[in-house]
Every structure is written in structure tokens, then in C-alpha cells.
């Protein structure tokens, strides 16, 4: 898979505006701000807690590839996990560390390129390697996937989210009505079919793949923290919308284990 942009371009993009930076209205870096970020994240993407199962990892070692602002990291650590994160964006990592300090939580944080994971993160076994919406932004996702294997034991899990090619959002993107991220100019956002996911994870046993998440809100109001459904989704029965999400969701949720 050829890359349309360099690693430096990707790093600069996420440094300029870390993912979900505008999820809060309070001063950035305050406890109130981080509370707002968490509340909005799980309100807009309610499938994340069920997929992550934060409480399941109490007393276990969790490695997150691409921690961003640390929303999932706080959830893992608060639940009692022994949490470690790696992150490419220095601005994101700074805020994630600040967030852990504010909440009095423990975690290990490493700055680096996950395509070269073992060059800066000591190889040890984790019970869970977790990466939500990160790997598809890398110039070479296959290098990250291959690099994760040494950190998994026979009972460990690799849980990741990748963008789905066969999705409502991708249909809109290809038609020119949408873009991969909230901020414009995202340099890399690969999408995958289920067959392409299995090819990417060829050295793993894939346990489960499912799709979730269609963003239903009027964008112009959403950016003002007003949550009005698009008219076509507002008129749709909830059961119908859920069926649509499960067939055409933007988030492909994947659970896998290292193949012996």
C-alpha cells in the first residue's frame, strides 16, 4: 500500500490539532476540560466502552498505540489496568500526561513512531494491545501491525479500530460531501474492507470484526455543542439506524490474537 504523505507530515498535522481537542469548552488542560472531553467522546461514540471493556483489564497490562489526549487511557487506568501508551504527537502526549497527573493516575508514556515500536519501547508481554482509530493514519500500517506481535502472549488480545471502506461516511467522502476527520487536510486515512483487514492481520487469528458508528448530527450545530440529528436520521426508527450502523458503520472494530 503506497503512502500519500510522510511521517513528519502526519506528526505535524496531529500536533497542530490533537484529535478531539475541541471536545471541551473549558480552558484546555483543566480538569473540567478533560471531564468534558470524556463525556462528549463517549456520548458521540457510545460503542467504545463496550468494545474496550475497560473493567476487564483490572490488574492487567495494557499497551495503547496512539493515546491521543488520553481518554481511553484514563478509562483503563481508572479501572485498575497497568497502563502504557505510545504516541507520535508531542502535543497530544503532553496533554495525556497532564491529564493523568490531574486525576492522580499512573501510566507510562513513550514518544515515538509506532512503525518502529521495538526501537523505543522495551519488549515485554501485555495482556491487551489497544489502538482505536490510529493505525490507519500511519504511512505504513503493516509495520505497526507486525511490530505489535512481540508484545503479545498466547492469551493476549489485540483490539483495534480501522476505518471501513464499505461505510456510509466513505460513500460521502468519495462523493465530496465529507472528509475523514473533523479538521481538514488529514494527510493519511486508509480505509479497509474485511478482506483487507484479514490480509493486514495475516499473522494473527482474527476473533471478530464488526462495524459501528454513523455520525448522525448536523455538523453546523454540533460544532456549537448542539446535538440535532440530521433530518433523515431523525425520521428513521432507532432499530433501522442501528441496522444501518452495523452494515455501514465507519468504525471497523477488530479483535485478534497472535497466531502461534
C-alpha atoms as a PDB file:
ATOM      1  CA  UNK A   1       0.000   0.000   0.000  1.00  0.00           C
ATOM      2  CA  UNK A   2       1.714   3.224  -1.094  1.00  0.00           C
ATOM      3  CA  UNK A   3       1.760   6.181   1.278  1.00  0.00           C
ATOM      4  CA  UNK A   4       0.482   9.610   0.196  1.00  0.00           C
ATOM      5  CA  UNK A   5       2.422  11.514   2.888  1.00  0.00           C
ATOM      6  CA  UNK A   6       5.499  11.381   5.095  1.00  0.00           C
ATOM      7  CA  UNK A   7       5.633  10.623   8.796  1.00  0.00           C
ATOM      8  CA  UNK A   8       6.671  14.206   9.528  1.00  0.00           C
ATOM      9  CA  UNK A   9       3.577  15.469   7.713  1.00  0.00           C
ATOM     10  CA  UNK A  10       1.380  13.177   9.812  1.00  0.00           C
ATOM     11  CA  UNK A  11       3.076  14.266  13.049  1.00  0.00           C
ATOM     12  CA  UNK A  12       2.745  17.949  12.182  1.00  0.00           C
ATOM     13  CA  UNK A  13      -0.943  17.542  11.391  1.00  0.00           C
ATOM     14  CA  UNK A  14      -1.791  15.985  14.762  1.00  0.00           C
ATOM     15  CA  UNK A  15       0.477  18.423  16.618  1.00  0.00           C
ATOM     16  CA  UNK A  16      -1.432  21.350  15.153  1.00  0.00           C
ATOM     17  CA  UNK A  17      -4.716  19.988  16.453  1.00  0.00           C
ATOM     18  CA  UNK A  18      -4.701  16.794  18.515  1.00  0.00           C
ATOM     19  CA  UNK A  19      -7.690  14.521  17.954  1.00  0.00           C
ATOM     20  CA  UNK A  20     -10.784  15.611  19.947  1.00  0.00           C
ATOM     21  CA  UNK A  21      -9.042  18.781  21.150  1.00  0.00           C
ATOM     22  CA  UNK A  22     -12.302  20.712  20.696  1.00  0.00           C
ATOM     23  CA  UNK A  23     -14.441  18.237  22.605  1.00  0.00           C
ATOM     24  CA  UNK A  24     -14.386  20.607  25.582  1.00  0.00           C
ATOM     25  CA  UNK A  25     -15.151  24.307  26.070  1.00  0.00           C
ATOM     26  CA  UNK A  26     -13.345  24.839  29.387  1.00  0.00           C
ATOM     27  CA  UNK A  27      -9.692  26.002  29.332  1.00  0.00           C
ATOM     28  CA  UNK A  28      -7.567  23.277  27.724  1.00  0.00           C
ATOM     29  CA  UNK A  29      -5.674  21.223  30.283  1.00  0.00           C
ATOM     30  CA  UNK A  30      -8.026  21.805  33.223  1.00  0.00           C
ATOM     31  CA  UNK A  31      -9.893  19.033  34.997  1.00  0.00           C
ATOM     32  CA  UNK A  32     -13.195  20.485  33.789  1.00  0.00           C
ATOM     33  CA  UNK A  33     -11.922  20.399  30.213  1.00  0.00           C
ATOM     34  CA  UNK A  34     -10.862  16.758  30.430  1.00  0.00           C
ATOM     35  CA  UNK A  35     -14.214  15.825  32.005  1.00  0.00           C
ATOM     36  CA  UNK A  36     -15.963  17.479  29.054  1.00  0.00           C
ATOM     37  CA  UNK A  37     -13.744  15.684  26.518  1.00  0.00           C
ATOM     38  CA  UNK A  38     -14.538  12.305  28.060  1.00  0.00           C
ATOM     39  CA  UNK A  39     -18.274  12.962  28.291  1.00  0.00           C
ATOM     40  CA  UNK A  40     -18.539  14.090  24.666  1.00  0.00           C
ATOM     41  CA  UNK A  41     -16.329  11.282  23.360  1.00  0.00           C
ATOM     42  CA  UNK A  42     -18.460   8.519  24.832  1.00  0.00           C
ATOM     43  CA  UNK A  43     -21.713  10.312  24.055  1.00  0.00           C
ATOM     44  CA  UNK A  44     -20.861  10.602  20.360  1.00  0.00           C
ATOM     45  CA  UNK A  45     -19.164   7.183  20.179  1.00  0.00           C
ATOM     46  CA  UNK A  46     -21.063   5.062  22.724  1.00  0.00           C
ATOM     47  CA  UNK A  47     -19.745   1.809  21.245  1.00  0.00           C
ATOM     48  CA  UNK A  48     -16.240   2.474  22.621  1.00  0.00           C
ATOM     49  CA  UNK A  49     -16.755   1.326  26.244  1.00  0.00           C
ATOM     50  CA  UNK A  50     -18.435  -1.909  25.136  1.00  0.00           C
ATOM     51  CA  UNK A  51     -15.628  -2.659  22.675  1.00  0.00           C
ATOM     52  CA  UNK A  52     -12.843  -1.706  25.074  1.00  0.00           C
ATOM     53  CA  UNK A  53     -14.287  -3.408  28.188  1.00  0.00           C
ATOM     54  CA  UNK A  54     -12.178  -1.221  30.439  1.00  0.00           C
ATOM     55  CA  UNK A  55     -13.109  -3.062  33.636  1.00  0.00           C
ATOM     56  CA  UNK A  56     -11.978  -6.396  32.172  1.00  0.00           C
ATOM     57  CA  UNK A  57      -8.330  -5.264  32.287  1.00  0.00           C
ATOM     58  CA  UNK A  58      -8.132  -4.524  36.017  1.00  0.00           C
ATOM     59  CA  UNK A  59      -4.726  -5.691  37.275  1.00  0.00           C
ATOM     60  CA  UNK A  60      -3.583  -6.481  33.723  1.00  0.00           C
ATOM     61  CA  UNK A  61      -1.050  -4.835  31.439  1.00  0.00           C
ATOM     62  CA  UNK A  62      -2.451  -2.640  28.661  1.00  0.00           C
ATOM     63  CA  UNK A  63      -0.450  -1.027  25.862  1.00  0.00           C
ATOM     64  CA  UNK A  64      -2.162   1.653  23.794  1.00  0.00           C
ATOM     65  CA  UNK A  65      -0.791   2.522  20.361  1.00  0.00           C
ATOM     66  CA  UNK A  66      -1.662   6.189  19.865  1.00  0.00           C
ATOM     67  CA  UNK A  67      -3.140   7.511  23.100  1.00  0.00           C
ATOM     68  CA  UNK A  68      -4.126  10.960  21.800  1.00  0.00           C
ATOM     69  CA  UNK A  69      -5.449  13.090  24.658  1.00  0.00           C
ATOM     70  CA  UNK A  70      -5.623  10.014  26.891  1.00  0.00           C
ATOM     71  CA  UNK A  71      -9.382   9.485  27.041  1.00  0.00           C
ATOM     72  CA  UNK A  72      -9.200   5.704  26.742  1.00  0.00           C
ATOM     73  CA  UNK A  73      -6.003   5.705  28.798  1.00  0.00           C
ATOM     74  CA  UNK A  74      -7.738   7.343  31.747  1.00  0.00           C
ATOM     75  CA  UNK A  75     -10.571   4.824  31.451  1.00  0.00           C
ATOM     76  CA  UNK A  76      -8.140   1.887  31.506  1.00  0.00           C
ATOM     77  CA  UNK A  77      -6.075   3.297  34.381  1.00  0.00           C
ATOM     78  CA  UNK A  78      -9.140   4.288  36.401  1.00  0.00           C
ATOM     79  CA  UNK A  79     -10.399   0.708  36.051  1.00  0.00           C
ATOM     80  CA  UNK A  80      -7.122  -0.564  37.539  1.00  0.00           C
ATOM     81  CA  UNK A  81      -5.072  -1.513  34.481  1.00  0.00           C
ATOM     82  CA  UNK A  82      -1.278  -1.229  34.390  1.00  0.00           C
ATOM     83  CA  UNK A  83      -1.282   1.240  31.513  1.00  0.00           C
ATOM     84  CA  UNK A  84       1.411   2.120  28.961  1.00  0.00           C
ATOM     85  CA  UNK A  85       0.986   4.438  25.970  1.00  0.00           C
ATOM     86  CA  UNK A  86       2.952   5.357  22.879  1.00  0.00           C
ATOM     87  CA  UNK A  87       2.171   8.475  20.861  1.00  0.00           C
ATOM     88  CA  UNK A  88       3.621  10.195  17.796  1.00  0.00           C
ATOM     89  CA  UNK A  89       2.246  13.683  18.517  1.00  0.00           C
ATOM     90  CA  UNK A  90       4.188  15.548  21.213  1.00  0.00           C
ATOM     91  CA  UNK A  91       1.261  17.921  21.779  1.00  0.00           C
ATOM     92  CA  UNK A  92      -1.132  15.024  22.359  1.00  0.00           C
ATOM     93  CA  UNK A  93       1.319  13.271  24.662  1.00  0.00           C
ATOM     94  CA  UNK A  94       1.836  16.413  26.730  1.00  0.00           C
ATOM     95  CA  UNK A  95      -1.901  16.708  27.338  1.00  0.00           C
ATOM     96  CA  UNK A  96      -2.292  12.987  28.086  1.00  0.00           C
ATOM     97  CA  UNK A  97       0.443  13.164  30.730  1.00  0.00           C
ATOM     98  CA  UNK A  98      -1.128  16.307  32.180  1.00  0.00           C
ATOM     99  CA  UNK A  99      -4.490  14.547  32.303  1.00  0.00           C
ATOM    100  CA  UNK A 100      -3.073  11.595  34.267  1.00  0.00           C
ATOM    101  CA  UNK A 101      -1.414  13.986  36.717  1.00  0.00           C
ATOM    102  CA  UNK A 102      -4.666  15.892  37.273  1.00  0.00           C
ATOM    103  CA  UNK A 103      -6.567  12.677  38.045  1.00  0.00           C
ATOM    104  CA  UNK A 104      -3.771  11.169  40.116  1.00  0.00           C
ATOM    105  CA  UNK A 105      -3.452   8.162  37.846  1.00  0.00           C
ATOM    106  CA  UNK A 106      -0.345   6.155  36.999  1.00  0.00           C
ATOM    107  CA  UNK A 107       0.821   5.356  33.498  1.00  0.00           C
ATOM    108  CA  UNK A 108       3.933   5.062  31.381  1.00  0.00           C
ATOM    109  CA  UNK A 109       4.215   7.245  28.289  1.00  0.00           C
ATOM    110  CA  UNK A 110       6.589   6.885  25.352  1.00  0.00           C
ATOM    111  CA  UNK A 111       7.082   9.300  22.478  1.00  0.00           C
ATOM    112  CA  UNK A 112       7.857   7.620  19.182  1.00  0.00           C
ATOM    113  CA  UNK A 113       6.883   6.211  15.814  1.00  0.00           C
ATOM    114  CA  UNK A 114       4.850   3.036  16.285  1.00  0.00           C
ATOM    115  CA  UNK A 115       6.139   1.775  12.930  1.00  0.00           C
ATOM    116  CA  UNK A 116       9.431   1.255  14.811  1.00  0.00           C
ATOM    117  CA  UNK A 117       7.928   0.183  18.130  1.00  0.00           C
ATOM    118  CA  UNK A 118      10.740  -2.003  19.460  1.00  0.00           C
ATOM    119  CA  UNK A 119      13.294   0.764  18.863  1.00  0.00           C
ATOM    120  CA  UNK A 120      11.982   2.761  21.834  1.00  0.00           C
ATOM    121  CA  UNK A 121       9.570   0.523  23.778  1.00  0.00           C
ATOM    122  CA  UNK A 122      11.111  -2.400  25.691  1.00  0.00           C
ATOM    123  CA  UNK A 123       9.658  -5.703  24.510  1.00  0.00           C
ATOM    124  CA  UNK A 124       7.503  -7.282  27.196  1.00  0.00           C
ATOM    125  CA  UNK A 125       4.201  -9.118  27.190  1.00  0.00           C
ATOM    126  CA  UNK A 126       0.960  -7.154  27.526  1.00  0.00           C
ATOM    127  CA  UNK A 127      -2.464  -8.657  28.150  1.00  0.00           C
ATOM    128  CA  UNK A 128      -4.003  -6.161  25.733  1.00  0.00           C
ATOM    129  CA  UNK A 129      -2.595  -4.073  22.909  1.00  0.00           C
ATOM    130  CA  UNK A 130      -5.210  -1.477  22.030  1.00  0.00           C
ATOM    131  CA  UNK A 131      -5.345   1.033  19.197  1.00  0.00           C
ATOM    132  CA  UNK A 132      -8.506   2.942  18.359  1.00  0.00           C
ATOM    133  CA  UNK A 133      -8.538   4.949  15.151  1.00  0.00           C
ATOM    134  CA  UNK A 134      -4.773   5.371  14.883  1.00  0.00           C
ATOM    135  CA  UNK A 135      -3.063   2.796  12.690  1.00  0.00           C
ATOM    136  CA  UNK A 136      -4.879   3.840   9.511  1.00  0.00           C
ATOM    137  CA  UNK A 137      -3.243   7.288   9.814  1.00  0.00           C
ATOM    138  CA  UNK A 138       0.286   5.867   9.616  1.00  0.00           C
ATOM    139  CA  UNK A 139       2.288   5.851   6.373  1.00  0.00           C
ATOM    140  CA  UNK A 140       2.864   2.105   6.779  1.00  0.00           C
ATOM    141  CA  UNK A 141       0.144   0.471   8.918  1.00  0.00           C
ATOM    142  CA  UNK A 142       1.515  -3.001   8.161  1.00  0.00           C
ATOM    143  CA  UNK A 143       4.723  -2.145  10.036  1.00  0.00           C
ATOM    144  CA  UNK A 144       2.773  -1.267  13.177  1.00  0.00           C
ATOM    145  CA  UNK A 145       0.720  -4.440  12.972  1.00  0.00           C
ATOM    146  CA  UNK A 146       3.842  -6.568  12.527  1.00  0.00           C
ATOM    147  CA  UNK A 147       5.624  -4.728  15.329  1.00  0.00           C
ATOM    148  CA  UNK A 148       2.843  -5.419  17.832  1.00  0.00           C
ATOM    149  CA  UNK A 149       3.282  -9.229  17.710  1.00  0.00           C
ATOM    150  CA  UNK A 150       6.321  -9.441  20.059  1.00  0.00           C
ATOM    151  CA  UNK A 151       4.303  -7.683  22.767  1.00  0.00           C
ATOM    152  CA  UNK A 152       1.546 -10.311  22.759  1.00  0.00           C
ATOM    153  CA  UNK A 153       1.499 -13.574  24.664  1.00  0.00           C
ATOM    154  CA  UNK A 154      -0.596 -16.645  23.791  1.00  0.00           C
ATOM    155  CA  UNK A 155      -3.596 -15.322  25.744  1.00  0.00           C
ATOM    156  CA  UNK A 156      -3.162 -11.647  24.888  1.00  0.00           C
ATOM    157  CA  UNK A 157      -5.572  -9.703  22.685  1.00  0.00           C
ATOM    158  CA  UNK A 158      -5.009  -7.088  20.020  1.00  0.00           C
ATOM    159  CA  UNK A 159      -8.027  -4.788  19.746  1.00  0.00           C
ATOM    160  CA  UNK A 160      -8.037  -2.097  17.106  1.00  0.00           C
ATOM    161  CA  UNK A 161     -10.343   0.161  15.149  1.00  0.00           C
ATOM    162  CA  UNK A 162      -9.763   0.859  11.483  1.00  0.00           C
ATOM    163  CA  UNK A 163     -11.885   2.911   9.114  1.00  0.00           C
ATOM    164  CA  UNK A 164     -14.279   0.889   6.986  1.00  0.00           C
ATOM    165  CA  UNK A 165     -14.209   1.257   3.219  1.00  0.00           C
ATOM    166  CA  UNK A 166     -17.763  -0.034   2.839  1.00  0.00           C
ATOM    167  CA  UNK A 167     -19.336   2.634   5.018  1.00  0.00           C
ATOM    168  CA  UNK A 168     -21.831   5.485   4.957  1.00  0.00           C
ATOM    169  CA  UNK A 169     -19.105   8.031   5.688  1.00  0.00           C
ATOM    170  CA  UNK A 170     -16.771   6.758   2.984  1.00  0.00           C
ATOM    171  CA  UNK A 171     -19.604   6.968   0.449  1.00  0.00           C
ATOM    172  CA  UNK A 172     -19.994  10.650   1.391  1.00  0.00           C
ATOM    173  CA  UNK A 173     -16.224  11.242   1.286  1.00  0.00           C
ATOM    174  CA  UNK A 174     -15.920   9.757  -2.195  1.00  0.00           C
ATOM    175  CA  UNK A 175     -18.858  11.893  -3.350  1.00  0.00           C
ATOM    176  CA  UNK A 176     -17.203  15.044  -1.979  1.00  0.00           C
ATOM    177  CA  UNK A 177     -19.674  15.631   0.862  1.00  0.00           C
ATOM    178  CA  UNK A 178     -17.433  14.764   3.811  1.00  0.00           C
ATOM    179  CA  UNK A 179     -13.835  14.324   4.976  1.00  0.00           C
ATOM    180  CA  UNK A 180     -12.153  11.701   7.192  1.00  0.00           C
ATOM    181  CA  UNK A 181     -11.505  13.966  10.199  1.00  0.00           C
ATOM    182  CA  UNK A 182     -13.159  16.986  11.780  1.00  0.00           C
ATOM    183  CA  UNK A 183     -10.214  19.177  10.813  1.00  0.00           C
ATOM    184  CA  UNK A 184      -9.407  19.481   7.123  1.00  0.00           C
ATOM    185  CA  UNK A 185      -6.246  18.274   5.428  1.00  0.00           C
ATOM    186  CA  UNK A 186      -5.749  14.889   7.100  1.00  0.00           C
ATOM    187  CA  UNK A 187      -2.698  13.579   5.213  1.00  0.00           C
ATOM    188  CA  UNK A 188      -3.449   9.847   5.554  1.00  0.00           C
ATOM    189  CA  UNK A 189      -6.663   7.977   6.347  1.00  0.00           C
ATOM    190  CA  UNK A 190      -6.622   4.485   4.873  1.00  0.00           C
ATOM    191  CA  UNK A 191      -9.881   2.530   4.707  1.00  0.00           C
ATOM    192  CA  UNK A 192     -10.337  -1.243   4.672  1.00  0.00           C
ATOM    193  CA  UNK A 193     -12.708  -3.970   3.642  1.00  0.00           C
ATOM    194  CA  UNK A 194     -12.966  -7.015   5.889  1.00  0.00           C
ATOM    195  CA  UNK A 195     -10.824  -8.983   3.450  1.00  0.00           C
ATOM    196  CA  UNK A 196      -8.179  -6.250   3.563  1.00  0.00           C
ATOM    197  CA  UNK A 197      -8.233  -6.302   7.362  1.00  0.00           C
ATOM    198  CA  UNK A 198      -7.610 -10.047   7.339  1.00  0.00           C
ATOM    199  CA  UNK A 199      -4.741  -9.558   4.876  1.00  0.00           C
ATOM    200  CA  UNK A 200      -3.252  -6.859   7.106  1.00  0.00           C
ATOM    201  CA  UNK A 201      -3.575  -9.215  10.089  1.00  0.00           C
ATOM    202  CA  UNK A 202      -2.273 -12.257   8.237  1.00  0.00           C
ATOM    203  CA  UNK A 203      -0.034 -13.239  11.156  1.00  0.00           C
ATOM    204  CA  UNK A 204      -2.929 -13.088  13.604  1.00  0.00           C
ATOM    205  CA  UNK A 205      -6.037 -15.092  14.325  1.00  0.00           C
ATOM    206  CA  UNK A 206      -8.964 -12.725  13.847  1.00  0.00           C
ATOM    207  CA  UNK A 207     -11.605 -13.374  16.501  1.00  0.00           C
ATOM    208  CA  UNK A 208     -14.200 -10.854  15.433  1.00  0.00           C
ATOM    209  CA  UNK A 209     -14.798  -7.979  13.014  1.00  0.00           C
ATOM    210  CA  UNK A 210     -17.864  -5.762  13.183  1.00  0.00           C
ATOM    211  CA  UNK A 211     -18.876  -2.279  12.124  1.00  0.00           C
ATOM    212  CA  UNK A 212     -20.265   0.562  14.232  1.00  0.00           C
ATOM    213  CA  UNK A 213     -20.816   4.308  14.218  1.00  0.00           C
ATOM    214  CA  UNK A 214     -22.556   6.600  11.795  1.00  0.00           C
ATOM    215  CA  UNK A 215     -22.248  10.238  12.864  1.00  0.00           C
ATOM    216  CA  UNK A 216     -25.869  11.463  12.874  1.00  0.00           C
ATOM    217  CA  UNK A 217     -25.668  15.128  13.863  1.00  0.00           C
ATOM    218  CA  UNK A 218     -25.996  18.397  11.925  1.00  0.00           C
ATOM    219  CA  UNK A 219     -22.349  19.499  11.695  1.00  0.00           C
ATOM    220  CA  UNK A 220     -23.030  23.237  11.842  1.00  0.00           C
ATOM    221  CA  UNK A 221     -24.804  22.774  15.175  1.00  0.00           C
ATOM    222  CA  UNK A 222     -22.516  20.049  16.508  1.00  0.00           C
ATOM    223  CA  UNK A 223     -19.502  22.390  16.423  1.00  0.00           C
ATOM    224  CA  UNK A 224     -21.542  24.702  18.689  1.00  0.00           C
ATOM    225  CA  UNK A 225     -22.186  21.767  21.057  1.00  0.00           C
ATOM    226  CA  UNK A 226     -25.783  21.435  19.922  1.00  0.00           C
ATOM    227  CA  UNK A 227     -26.898  17.899  19.147  1.00  0.00           C
ATOM    228  CA  UNK A 228     -29.577  17.944  16.492  1.00  0.00           C
ATOM    229  CA  UNK A 229     -29.992  14.865  14.297  1.00  0.00           C
ATOM    230  CA  UNK A 230     -29.864  15.156  10.536  1.00  0.00           C
ATOM    231  CA  UNK A 231     -33.492  15.138   9.268  1.00  0.00           C
ATOM    232  CA  UNK A 232     -33.134  11.749   7.565  1.00  0.00           C
ATOM    233  CA  UNK A 233     -31.770  10.138  10.719  1.00  0.00           C
ATOM    234  CA  UNK A 234     -34.321  11.896  12.923  1.00  0.00           C
ATOM    235  CA  UNK A 235     -37.118  10.379  10.830  1.00  0.00           C
ATOM    236  CA  UNK A 236     -35.560   6.894  10.952  1.00  0.00           C
ATOM    237  CA  UNK A 237     -36.665   4.405  13.628  1.00  0.00           C
ATOM    238  CA  UNK A 238     -33.865   3.632  16.084  1.00  0.00           C
ATOM    239  CA  UNK A 239     -33.818  -0.033  15.092  1.00  0.00           C
ATOM    240  CA  UNK A 240     -33.348   0.917  11.452  1.00  0.00           C
ATOM    241  CA  UNK A 241     -30.485   3.285  12.282  1.00  0.00           C
ATOM    242  CA  UNK A 242     -28.748   0.571  14.324  1.00  0.00           C
ATOM    243  CA  UNK A 243     -29.069  -1.865  11.410  1.00  0.00           C
ATOM    244  CA  UNK A 244     -27.511   0.760   9.148  1.00  0.00           C
ATOM    245  CA  UNK A 245     -24.611   1.286  11.565  1.00  0.00           C
ATOM    246  CA  UNK A 246     -23.898  -2.421  11.721  1.00  0.00           C
ATOM    247  CA  UNK A 247     -23.713  -2.643   7.927  1.00  0.00           C
ATOM    248  CA  UNK A 248     -22.254   0.757   7.007  1.00  0.00           C
ATOM    249  CA  UNK A 249     -20.533   1.982  10.169  1.00  0.00           C
ATOM    250  CA  UNK A 250     -17.315   3.984   9.796  1.00  0.00           C
ATOM    251  CA  UNK A 251     -15.565   2.143  12.609  1.00  0.00           C
ATOM    252  CA  UNK A 252     -14.424  -1.414  11.963  1.00  0.00           C
ATOM    253  CA  UNK A 253     -13.915  -2.992  15.398  1.00  0.00           C
ATOM    254  CA  UNK A 254     -11.434  -5.850  15.334  1.00  0.00           C
ATOM    255  CA  UNK A 255     -10.357  -8.386  17.952  1.00  0.00           C
ATOM    256  CA  UNK A 256      -7.393 -10.621  17.214  1.00  0.00           C
ATOM    257  CA  UNK A 257      -4.742 -12.825  18.808  1.00  0.00           C
ATOM    258  CA  UNK A 258      -1.209 -13.621  17.816  1.00  0.00           C
ATOM    259  CA  UNK A 259      -1.075 -16.728  15.664  1.00  0.00           C
ATOM    260  CA  UNK A 260       1.201 -19.400  17.121  1.00  0.00           C
END
